Amino acid sequence: MAEGNIATNQDICLAMLRDNDRDRYLACLLSPQDKRGALAALYAFNAELARIRDLVHEPLPGEVRMQYWRDLLEGSAHGSTAANPVAVGLLGAIETHRLPRKTLIDMIEARTFDLYDDPMETRVSLEGYAGETASALIQLASLVLSPEAAAQSADAAGHAGVAQAVAGLLLLMPLHRRRGQLYIPLQILSATGLDRDTFLAGEDRPRISAAVEAFAGLGREHLAKARGAGPIAPAVFPAFLPVTLAEPVLLKAQRRGALVFERPLQPPQWRRQLAMALAASRRKI
């Protein structure tokens, strides 16, 4: 492939991230220049999966979109992929950095949960979902940055991804509630005296606050474990940059409880950019 095409695909992936995942867009810019193309394609692929539910009204069209990516990774795509810069970039990243296709396919399988309104049953179910999505993405990005150092940070990536996923689900909780989606495990709801319907109804504020606090506490627990897993090698730290935004969201959710339905938890963009820039210099999540 010509250098001009590679640059164009990278630019397109970065532009998609700027529109759909501003935090990982900034993480790309704070990464080594020679790794940005692969990271941008990897993050753009993740963003494409994450927004499928926003683009469809029924699960079946979403399944079709998921199948496109599954076929691509399994080598059975129909027609040329040249017109899809994310697909081209992703295949290039897989080849250049020897990324495991099964991990990417497992990410698609996990994201299929998003297309339906089934509740998350247990804490283990949630941790599995987060492990195959957010944690896997951190580990794949680490492989792009430094295969040698990636192995050393695998434990930290696992826990960091769960913390990041919980924070992201808290940010999206108002949207999920309107859709009738539930990511807080029923196991946590049951412990606070709630079920799926009473949580989504939003009327039992004290118990909903307790459930939100417990859910955010789960994220903080995994963040503490990620920090306790040992220092993250500087070479792969850019893969962990988006995780640095999780703690303020988790702390704010614990304070607000049921008010997460009404008051946005997301800090302003300038504050998130500053936090990531500071984390990049200090190399601490």
C-alpha atoms as a PDB file:
ATOM      1  CA  MET A   1       0.000   0.000   0.000  1.00  0.00           C
ATOM      2  CA  ALA A   2       1.328   3.470  -0.869  1.00  0.00           C
ATOM      3  CA  GLU A   3       2.529   5.752   1.903  1.00  0.00           C
ATOM      4  CA  GLY A   4      -0.072   8.332   0.886  1.00  0.00           C
ATOM      5  CA  ASN A   5      -2.874   5.839   1.444  1.00  0.00           C
ATOM      6  CA  ILE A   6      -1.519   4.886   4.859  1.00  0.00           C
ATOM      7  CA  ALA A   7      -1.398   8.546   5.878  1.00  0.00           C
ATOM      8  CA  THR A   8      -4.910   9.089   4.587  1.00  0.00           C
ATOM      9  CA  ASN A   9      -6.300   6.106   6.481  1.00  0.00           C
ATOM     10  CA  GLN A  10      -4.580   7.277   9.655  1.00  0.00           C
ATOM     11  CA  ASP A  11      -5.968  10.787   9.231  1.00  0.00           C
ATOM     12  CA  ILE A  12      -9.474   9.425   8.667  1.00  0.00           C
ATOM     13  CA  CYS A  13      -9.282   7.194  11.748  1.00  0.00           C
ATOM     14  CA  LEU A  14      -8.045  10.109  13.852  1.00  0.00           C
ATOM     15  CA  ALA A  15     -10.862  12.299  12.535  1.00  0.00           C
ATOM     16  CA  MET A  16     -13.394   9.611  13.454  1.00  0.00           C
ATOM     17  CA  LEU A  17     -11.956   9.437  16.957  1.00  0.00           C
ATOM     18  CA  ARG A  18     -12.040  13.211  17.280  1.00  0.00           C
ATOM     19  CA  ASP A  19     -15.777  13.039  16.585  1.00  0.00           C
ATOM     20  CA  ASN A  20     -16.689   9.843  18.458  1.00  0.00           C
ATOM     21  CA  ASP A  21     -14.059   9.218  21.154  1.00  0.00           C
ATOM     22  CA  ARG A  22     -12.246  12.426  22.005  1.00  0.00           C
ATOM     23  CA  ASP A  23     -10.354  10.929  24.946  1.00  0.00           C
ATOM     24  CA  ARG A  24      -8.732   8.148  22.934  1.00  0.00           C
ATOM     25  CA  TYR A  25      -8.087  10.660  20.158  1.00  0.00           C
ATOM     26  CA  LEU A  26      -5.986  12.631  22.631  1.00  0.00           C
ATOM     27  CA  ALA A  27      -4.341   9.407  23.822  1.00  0.00           C
ATOM     28  CA  CYS A  28      -3.223   8.819  20.229  1.00  0.00           C
ATOM     29  CA  LEU A  29      -1.722  12.299  20.025  1.00  0.00           C
ATOM     30  CA  LEU A  30       0.156  11.669  23.270  1.00  0.00           C
ATOM     31  CA  SER A  31       1.585   8.403  21.885  1.00  0.00           C
ATOM     32  CA  PRO A  32       4.765   7.948  19.815  1.00  0.00           C
ATOM     33  CA  GLN A  33       4.196   9.191  16.297  1.00  0.00           C
ATOM     34  CA  ASP A  34       5.222   5.926  14.648  1.00  0.00           C
ATOM     35  CA  LYS A  35       2.538   4.050  16.635  1.00  0.00           C
ATOM     36  CA  ARG A  36      -0.341   6.468  16.065  1.00  0.00           C
ATOM     37  CA  GLY A  37      -1.647   4.907  12.883  1.00  0.00           C
ATOM     38  CA  ALA A  38      -2.101   1.463  14.430  1.00  0.00           C
ATOM     39  CA  LEU A  39      -3.516   2.898  17.660  1.00  0.00           C
ATOM     40  CA  ALA A  40      -5.930   5.131  15.756  1.00  0.00           C
ATOM     41  CA  ALA A  41      -7.198   2.171  13.734  1.00  0.00           C
ATOM     42  CA  LEU A  42      -7.564   0.025  16.849  1.00  0.00           C
ATOM     43  CA  TYR A  43      -9.436   2.741  18.746  1.00  0.00           C
ATOM     44  CA  ALA A  44     -11.582   3.592  15.712  1.00  0.00           C
ATOM     45  CA  PHE A  45     -12.561  -0.088  15.442  1.00  0.00           C
ATOM     46  CA  ASN A  46     -13.576  -0.007  19.111  1.00  0.00           C
ATOM     47  CA  ALA A  47     -15.569   3.185  18.542  1.00  0.00           C
ATOM     48  CA  GLU A  48     -17.346   1.602  15.575  1.00  0.00           C
ATOM     49  CA  LEU A  49     -18.436  -1.340  17.732  1.00  0.00           C
ATOM     50  CA  ALA A  50     -19.478   0.901  20.614  1.00  0.00           C
ATOM     51  CA  ARG A  51     -21.761   3.075  18.500  1.00  0.00           C
ATOM     52  CA  ILE A  52     -23.612   0.324  16.656  1.00  0.00           C
ATOM     53  CA  ARG A  53     -26.469   0.405  19.189  1.00  0.00           C
ATOM     54  CA  ASP A  54     -26.827   4.147  18.497  1.00  0.00           C
ATOM     55  CA  LEU A  55     -27.195   3.506  14.764  1.00  0.00           C
ATOM     56  CA  VAL A  56     -29.822   0.749  14.787  1.00  0.00           C
ATOM     57  CA  HIS A  57     -33.324   0.408  16.207  1.00  0.00           C
ATOM     58  CA  GLU A  58     -33.452  -3.393  16.253  1.00  0.00           C
ATOM     59  CA  PRO A  59     -30.850  -6.011  17.199  1.00  0.00           C
ATOM     60  CA  LEU A  60     -30.784  -7.726  13.788  1.00  0.00           C
ATOM     61  CA  PRO A  61     -29.254  -4.807  11.830  1.00  0.00           C
ATOM     62  CA  GLY A  62     -26.735  -4.494  14.650  1.00  0.00           C
ATOM     63  CA  GLU A  63     -25.891  -8.177  14.355  1.00  0.00           C
ATOM     64  CA  VAL A  64     -25.290  -7.642  10.623  1.00  0.00           C
ATOM     65  CA  ARG A  65     -22.836  -4.833  11.363  1.00  0.00           C
ATOM     66  CA  MET A  66     -21.085  -6.989  13.940  1.00  0.00           C
ATOM     67  CA  GLN A  67     -20.874  -9.825  11.402  1.00  0.00           C
ATOM     68  CA  TYR A  68     -19.077  -7.535   8.937  1.00  0.00           C
ATOM     69  CA  TRP A  69     -16.231  -7.091  11.414  1.00  0.00           C
ATOM     70  CA  ARG A  70     -16.272 -10.765  12.367  1.00  0.00           C
ATOM     71  CA  ASP A  71     -15.965 -11.788   8.710  1.00  0.00           C
ATOM     72  CA  LEU A  72     -13.166  -9.283   8.191  1.00  0.00           C
ATOM     73  CA  LEU A  73     -11.121 -10.698  11.054  1.00  0.00           C
ATOM     74  CA  GLU A  74     -11.818 -14.310  10.088  1.00  0.00           C
ATOM     75  CA  GLY A  75     -10.681 -13.654   6.526  1.00  0.00           C
ATOM     76  CA  SER A  76     -14.086 -14.242   4.951  1.00  0.00           C
ATOM     77  CA  ALA A  77     -15.093 -10.658   4.173  1.00  0.00           C
ATOM     78  CA  HIS A  78     -17.219 -10.209   1.065  1.00  0.00           C
ATOM     79  CA  GLY A  79     -15.897  -7.716  -1.447  1.00  0.00           C
ATOM     80  CA  SER A  80     -13.044  -5.235  -1.117  1.00  0.00           C
ATOM     81  CA  THR A  81     -12.219  -3.581   2.215  1.00  0.00           C
ATOM     82  CA  ALA A  82     -10.263  -0.788   0.527  1.00  0.00           C
ATOM     83  CA  ALA A  83     -13.173   1.621   0.856  1.00  0.00           C
ATOM     84  CA  ASN A  84     -13.234   1.264   4.654  1.00  0.00           C
ATOM     85  CA  PRO A  85     -10.214   3.068   6.166  1.00  0.00           C
ATOM     86  CA  VAL A  86     -10.846   1.591   9.621  1.00  0.00           C
ATOM     87  CA  ALA A  87     -10.859  -1.946   8.201  1.00  0.00           C
ATOM     88  CA  VAL A  88      -7.694  -1.288   6.190  1.00  0.00           C
ATOM     89  CA  GLY A  89      -5.978   0.296   9.181  1.00  0.00           C
ATOM     90  CA  LEU A  90      -7.026  -2.509  11.517  1.00  0.00           C
ATOM     91  CA  LEU A  91      -5.760  -5.249   9.193  1.00  0.00           C
ATOM     92  CA  GLY A  92      -2.515  -3.327   8.807  1.00  0.00           C
ATOM     93  CA  ALA A  93      -2.112  -3.024  12.572  1.00  0.00           C
ATOM     94  CA  ILE A  94      -2.796  -6.755  13.002  1.00  0.00           C
ATOM     95  CA  GLU A  95      -0.162  -7.657  10.433  1.00  0.00           C
ATOM     96  CA  THR A  96       2.482  -5.169  11.554  1.00  0.00           C
ATOM     97  CA  HIS A  97       2.149  -5.749  15.282  1.00  0.00           C
ATOM     98  CA  ARG A  98       0.994  -9.386  15.230  1.00  0.00           C
ATOM     99  CA  LEU A  99      -2.164  -8.624  17.172  1.00  0.00           C
ATOM    100  CA  PRO A 100      -4.240 -11.667  18.145  1.00  0.00           C
ATOM    101  CA  ARG A 101      -7.350 -11.809  15.978  1.00  0.00           C
ATOM    102  CA  LYS A 102      -9.179 -13.935  18.537  1.00  0.00           C
ATOM    103  CA  THR A 103      -8.999 -11.100  21.083  1.00  0.00           C
ATOM    104  CA  LEU A 104     -10.616  -8.767  18.564  1.00  0.00           C
ATOM    105  CA  ILE A 105     -13.283 -11.335  17.697  1.00  0.00           C
ATOM    106  CA  ASP A 106     -13.997 -11.849  21.396  1.00  0.00           C
ATOM    107  CA  MET A 107     -14.445  -8.081  21.661  1.00  0.00           C
ATOM    108  CA  ILE A 108     -17.127  -8.254  18.966  1.00  0.00           C
ATOM    109  CA  GLU A 109     -18.845 -11.146  20.754  1.00  0.00           C
ATOM    110  CA  ALA A 110     -18.881  -9.217  24.037  1.00  0.00           C
ATOM    111  CA  ARG A 111     -20.256  -6.102  22.346  1.00  0.00           C
ATOM    112  CA  THR A 112     -23.206  -8.101  21.033  1.00  0.00           C
ATOM    113  CA  PHE A 113     -24.620  -7.747  24.568  1.00  0.00           C
ATOM    114  CA  ASP A 114     -25.089  -4.016  23.841  1.00  0.00           C
ATOM    115  CA  LEU A 115     -27.630  -4.751  21.118  1.00  0.00           C
ATOM    116  CA  TYR A 116     -30.138  -6.260  23.534  1.00  0.00           C
ATOM    117  CA  ASP A 117     -31.813  -5.196  26.758  1.00  0.00           C
ATOM    118  CA  ASP A 118     -30.917  -8.255  28.808  1.00  0.00           C
ATOM    119  CA  PRO A 119     -29.662  -7.349  32.286  1.00  0.00           C
ATOM    120  CA  MET A 120     -26.133  -8.033  33.471  1.00  0.00           C
ATOM    121  CA  GLU A 121     -26.628 -10.905  35.895  1.00  0.00           C
ATOM    122  CA  THR A 122     -23.578 -10.974  38.177  1.00  0.00           C
ATOM    123  CA  ARG A 123     -20.416  -9.129  39.070  1.00  0.00           C
ATOM    124  CA  VAL A 124     -18.454 -11.861  37.303  1.00  0.00           C
ATOM    125  CA  SER A 125     -20.519 -11.290  34.147  1.00  0.00           C
ATOM    126  CA  LEU A 126     -19.719  -7.579  34.248  1.00  0.00           C
ATOM    127  CA  GLU A 127     -16.024  -8.208  34.836  1.00  0.00           C
ATOM    128  CA  GLY A 128     -16.008 -10.635  31.900  1.00  0.00           C
ATOM    129  CA  TYR A 129     -17.682  -8.065  29.640  1.00  0.00           C
ATOM    130  CA  ALA A 130     -15.223  -5.372  30.713  1.00  0.00           C
ATOM    131  CA  GLY A 131     -12.304  -7.759  30.355  1.00  0.00           C
ATOM    132  CA  GLU A 132     -13.151  -8.579  26.748  1.00  0.00           C
ATOM    133  CA  THR A 133     -13.786  -4.933  25.813  1.00  0.00           C
ATOM    134  CA  ALA A 134     -11.958  -2.210  27.776  1.00  0.00           C
ATOM    135  CA  SER A 135      -9.214  -4.431  29.261  1.00  0.00           C
ATOM    136  CA  ALA A 136      -8.567  -6.138  25.935  1.00  0.00           C
ATOM    137  CA  LEU A 137      -8.276  -2.768  24.208  1.00  0.00           C
ATOM    138  CA  ILE A 138      -5.631  -1.611  26.704  1.00  0.00           C
ATOM    139  CA  GLN A 139      -3.680  -4.831  26.209  1.00  0.00           C
ATOM    140  CA  LEU A 140      -3.904  -4.637  22.406  1.00  0.00           C
ATOM    141  CA  ALA A 141      -2.712  -1.028  22.480  1.00  0.00           C
ATOM    142  CA  SER A 142       0.134  -2.136  24.753  1.00  0.00           C
ATOM    143  CA  LEU A 143       1.132  -4.754  22.182  1.00  0.00           C
ATOM    144  CA  VAL A 144       1.291  -2.031  19.539  1.00  0.00           C
ATOM    145  CA  LEU A 145       3.467   0.140  21.781  1.00  0.00           C
ATOM    146  CA  SER A 146       5.822  -2.553  23.100  1.00  0.00           C
ATOM    147  CA  PRO A 147       5.208  -6.322  22.924  1.00  0.00           C
ATOM    148  CA  GLU A 148       7.889  -6.955  25.545  1.00  0.00           C
ATOM    149  CA  ALA A 149       6.488  -4.515  28.106  1.00  0.00           C
ATOM    150  CA  ALA A 150       2.866  -5.476  27.353  1.00  0.00           C
ATOM    151  CA  ALA A 151       3.232  -8.846  29.042  1.00  0.00           C
ATOM    152  CA  GLN A 152       4.460  -7.181  32.220  1.00  0.00           C
ATOM    153  CA  SER A 153       1.396  -4.918  32.393  1.00  0.00           C
ATOM    154  CA  ALA A 154      -1.260  -7.549  31.631  1.00  0.00           C
ATOM    155  CA  ASP A 155      -2.555  -7.727  35.211  1.00  0.00           C
ATOM    156  CA  ALA A 156      -2.758  -3.948  35.478  1.00  0.00           C
ATOM    157  CA  ALA A 157      -4.547  -3.806  32.113  1.00  0.00           C
ATOM    158  CA  GLY A 158      -7.144  -6.304  33.279  1.00  0.00           C
ATOM    159  CA  HIS A 159      -8.096  -4.362  36.399  1.00  0.00           C
ATOM    160  CA  ALA A 160      -7.725  -0.936  34.763  1.00  0.00           C
ATOM    161  CA  GLY A 161     -10.111  -1.944  32.007  1.00  0.00           C
ATOM    162  CA  VAL A 162     -12.812  -2.934  34.499  1.00  0.00           C
ATOM    163  CA  ALA A 163     -12.441   0.403  36.306  1.00  0.00           C
ATOM    164  CA  GLN A 164     -12.617   2.271  33.011  1.00  0.00           C
ATOM    165  CA  ALA A 165     -15.646   0.281  31.851  1.00  0.00           C
ATOM    166  CA  VAL A 166     -17.550   0.939  35.094  1.00  0.00           C
ATOM    167  CA  ALA A 167     -16.819   4.668  34.800  1.00  0.00           C
ATOM    168  CA  GLY A 168     -17.982   4.646  31.182  1.00  0.00           C
ATOM    169  CA  LEU A 169     -21.195   2.828  32.072  1.00  0.00           C
ATOM    170  CA  LEU A 170     -21.883   5.362  34.819  1.00  0.00           C
ATOM    171  CA  LEU A 171     -21.472   8.175  32.283  1.00  0.00           C
ATOM    172  CA  LEU A 172     -23.961   6.457  29.978  1.00  0.00           C
ATOM    173  CA  MET A 173     -26.413   5.448  32.707  1.00  0.00           C
ATOM    174  CA  PRO A 174     -29.066   8.104  31.834  1.00  0.00           C
ATOM    175  CA  LEU A 175     -29.030   6.956  28.190  1.00  0.00           C
ATOM    176  CA  HIS A 176     -29.139   3.281  29.135  1.00  0.00           C
ATOM    177  CA  ARG A 177     -32.039   3.898  31.495  1.00  0.00           C
ATOM    178  CA  ARG A 178     -34.067   5.571  28.725  1.00  0.00           C
ATOM    179  CA  ARG A 179     -33.425   2.540  26.530  1.00  0.00           C
ATOM    180  CA  GLY A 180     -34.260   0.056  29.263  1.00  0.00           C
ATOM    181  CA  GLN A 181     -30.691  -1.237  29.398  1.00  0.00           C
ATOM    182  CA  LEU A 182     -29.104  -2.285  32.673  1.00  0.00           C
ATOM    183  CA  TYR A 183     -25.395  -2.829  33.252  1.00  0.00           C
ATOM    184  CA  ILE A 184     -25.374  -2.749  37.060  1.00  0.00           C
ATOM    185  CA  PRO A 185     -25.356  -6.459  37.922  1.00  0.00           C
ATOM    186  CA  LEU A 186     -28.619  -7.831  39.301  1.00  0.00           C
ATOM    187  CA  GLN A 187     -26.451  -9.265  42.071  1.00  0.00           C
ATOM    188  CA  ILE A 188     -25.697  -5.707  43.274  1.00  0.00           C
ATOM    189  CA  LEU A 189     -29.313  -4.591  42.870  1.00  0.00           C
ATOM    190  CA  SER A 190     -30.550  -7.554  44.890  1.00  0.00           C
ATOM    191  CA  ALA A 191     -28.124  -6.724  47.701  1.00  0.00           C
ATOM    192  CA  THR A 192     -29.653  -3.234  47.902  1.00  0.00           C
ATOM    193  CA  GLY A 193     -33.262  -4.461  47.778  1.00  0.00           C
ATOM    194  CA  LEU A 194     -33.908  -3.586  44.139  1.00  0.00           C
ATOM    195  CA  ASP A 195     -34.743  -5.432  40.942  1.00  0.00           C
ATOM    196  CA  ARG A 196     -34.384  -4.388  37.311  1.00  0.00           C
ATOM    197  CA  ASP A 197     -37.754  -2.659  37.018  1.00  0.00           C
ATOM    198  CA  THR A 198     -37.548  -0.700  40.262  1.00  0.00           C
ATOM    199  CA  PHE A 199     -34.065   0.537  39.394  1.00  0.00           C
ATOM    200  CA  LEU A 200     -35.110   1.668  35.917  1.00  0.00           C
ATOM    201  CA  ALA A 201     -38.249   3.318  37.336  1.00  0.00           C
ATOM    202  CA  GLY A 202     -35.929   5.600  39.299  1.00  0.00           C
ATOM    203  CA  GLU A 203     -38.308   6.251  42.213  1.00  0.00           C
ATOM    204  CA  ASP A 204     -36.633   4.504  45.152  1.00  0.00           C
ATOM    205  CA  ARG A 205     -33.870   7.075  45.510  1.00  0.00           C
ATOM    206  CA  PRO A 206     -32.168   5.765  48.687  1.00  0.00           C
ATOM    207  CA  ARG A 207     -31.780   2.236  47.331  1.00  0.00           C
ATOM    208  CA  ILE A 208     -30.810   3.415  43.871  1.00  0.00           C
ATOM    209  CA  SER A 209     -28.143   5.595  45.483  1.00  0.00           C
ATOM    210  CA  ALA A 210     -26.851   2.575  47.375  1.00  0.00           C
ATOM    211  CA  ALA A 211     -26.694   0.528  44.162  1.00  0.00           C
ATOM    212  CA  VAL A 212     -24.883   3.280  42.258  1.00  0.00           C
ATOM    213  CA  GLU A 213     -22.443   3.708  45.144  1.00  0.00           C
ATOM    214  CA  ALA A 214     -21.730  -0.036  45.189  1.00  0.00           C
ATOM    215  CA  PHE A 215     -21.275  -0.113  41.402  1.00  0.00           C
ATOM    216  CA  ALA A 216     -18.850   2.811  41.486  1.00  0.00           C
ATOM    217  CA  GLY A 217     -17.127   1.144  44.430  1.00  0.00           C
ATOM    218  CA  LEU A 218     -16.533  -1.917  42.259  1.00  0.00           C
ATOM    219  CA  GLY A 219     -14.780   0.322  39.744  1.00  0.00           C
ATOM    220  CA  ARG A 220     -12.637   1.897  42.468  1.00  0.00           C
ATOM    221  CA  GLU A 221     -11.745  -1.550  43.787  1.00  0.00           C
ATOM    222  CA  HIS A 222     -10.377  -2.576  40.397  1.00  0.00           C
ATOM    223  CA  LEU A 223      -8.581   0.754  39.971  1.00  0.00           C
ATOM    224  CA  ALA A 224      -6.812   0.158  43.288  1.00  0.00           C
ATOM    225  CA  LYS A 225      -5.814  -3.327  42.116  1.00  0.00           C
ATOM    226  CA  ALA A 226      -4.489  -1.896  38.852  1.00  0.00           C
ATOM    227  CA  ARG A 227      -2.356   0.564  40.792  1.00  0.00           C
ATOM    228  CA  GLY A 228      -1.187  -2.195  43.098  1.00  0.00           C
ATOM    229  CA  ALA A 229      -0.122  -4.429  40.202  1.00  0.00           C
ATOM    230  CA  GLY A 230       3.219  -2.667  40.016  1.00  0.00           C
ATOM    231  CA  PRO A 231       4.635   0.172  37.915  1.00  0.00           C
ATOM    232  CA  ILE A 232       3.531   0.344  34.309  1.00  0.00           C
ATOM    233  CA  ALA A 233       6.414   0.392  31.866  1.00  0.00           C
ATOM    234  CA  PRO A 234       6.846   3.831  30.256  1.00  0.00           C
ATOM    235  CA  ALA A 235       6.769   2.242  26.801  1.00  0.00           C
ATOM    236  CA  VAL A 236       3.155   1.081  27.216  1.00  0.00           C
ATOM    237  CA  PHE A 237       1.846   3.840  29.469  1.00  0.00           C
ATOM    238  CA  PRO A 238       0.071   5.674  26.595  1.00  0.00           C
ATOM    239  CA  ALA A 239      -2.293   2.668  26.393  1.00  0.00           C
ATOM    240  CA  PHE A 240      -3.401   3.429  29.953  1.00  0.00           C
ATOM    241  CA  LEU A 241      -3.934   7.178  29.487  1.00  0.00           C
ATOM    242  CA  PRO A 242      -7.761   7.042  29.128  1.00  0.00           C
ATOM    243  CA  VAL A 243      -7.925   5.124  32.432  1.00  0.00           C
ATOM    244  CA  THR A 244      -6.685   8.217  34.242  1.00  0.00           C
ATOM    245  CA  LEU A 245     -10.119   9.788  33.647  1.00  0.00           C
ATOM    246  CA  ALA A 246     -12.020   7.049  35.511  1.00  0.00           C
ATOM    247  CA  GLU A 247     -11.409   7.990  39.141  1.00  0.00           C
ATOM    248  CA  PRO A 248     -13.116  11.440  39.117  1.00  0.00           C
ATOM    249  CA  VAL A 249     -16.210   9.859  37.554  1.00  0.00           C
ATOM    250  CA  LEU A 250     -16.282   7.017  40.077  1.00  0.00           C
ATOM    251  CA  LEU A 251     -15.881   9.390  43.039  1.00  0.00           C
ATOM    252  CA  LYS A 252     -18.543  11.775  41.748  1.00  0.00           C
ATOM    253  CA  ALA A 253     -20.979   8.892  41.166  1.00  0.00           C
ATOM    254  CA  GLN A 254     -20.513   7.677  44.732  1.00  0.00           C
ATOM    255  CA  ARG A 255     -21.333  11.145  46.034  1.00  0.00           C
ATOM    256  CA  ARG A 256     -24.333  11.728  43.788  1.00  0.00           C
ATOM    257  CA  GLY A 257     -26.023   8.347  43.917  1.00  0.00           C
ATOM    258  CA  ALA A 258     -29.423   8.497  42.200  1.00  0.00           C
ATOM    259  CA  LEU A 259     -28.623  11.989  40.911  1.00  0.00           C
ATOM    260  CA  VAL A 260     -26.486  10.377  38.191  1.00  0.00           C
ATOM    261  CA  PHE A 261     -29.748  10.133  36.263  1.00  0.00           C
ATOM    262  CA  GLU A 262     -30.068  13.921  36.257  1.00  0.00           C
ATOM    263  CA  ARG A 263     -26.630  15.514  36.557  1.00  0.00           C
ATOM    264  CA  PRO A 264     -23.846  14.729  34.074  1.00  0.00           C
ATOM    265  CA  LEU A 265     -20.757  13.119  35.569  1.00  0.00           C
ATOM    266  CA  GLN A 266     -18.450  13.972  32.672  1.00  0.00           C
ATOM    267  CA  PRO A 267     -15.846  16.649  33.498  1.00  0.00           C
ATOM    268  CA  PRO A 268     -15.402  19.348  30.826  1.00  0.00           C
ATOM    269  CA  GLN A 269     -13.153  18.556  27.893  1.00  0.00           C
ATOM    270  CA  TRP A 270     -10.395  20.944  28.956  1.00  0.00           C
ATOM    271  CA  ARG A 271     -10.170  19.277  32.358  1.00  0.00           C
ATOM    272  CA  ARG A 272      -9.941  15.809  30.794  1.00  0.00           C
ATOM    273  CA  GLN A 273      -7.222  16.961  28.406  1.00  0.00           C
ATOM    274  CA  LEU A 274      -5.239  18.479  31.278  1.00  0.00           C
ATOM    275  CA  ALA A 275      -5.610  15.313  33.366  1.00  0.00           C
ATOM    276  CA  MET A 276      -4.334  13.122  30.538  1.00  0.00           C
ATOM    277  CA  ALA A 277      -1.426  15.450  29.773  1.00  0.00           C
ATOM    278  CA  LEU A 278      -0.393  15.456  33.441  1.00  0.00           C
ATOM    279  CA  ALA A 279      -0.744  11.660  33.626  1.00  0.00           C
ATOM    280  CA  ALA A 280       1.438  11.315  30.526  1.00  0.00           C
ATOM    281  CA  SER A 281       4.228  13.253  32.242  1.00  0.00           C
ATOM    282  CA  ARG A 282       3.857  11.552  35.648  1.00  0.00           C
ATOM    283  CA  ARG A 283       3.124   8.084  34.264  1.00  0.00           C
ATOM    284  CA  LYS A 284       0.630   7.260  36.989  1.00  0.00           C
ATOM    285  CA  ILE A 285      -2.958   6.132  36.432  1.00  0.00           C
END
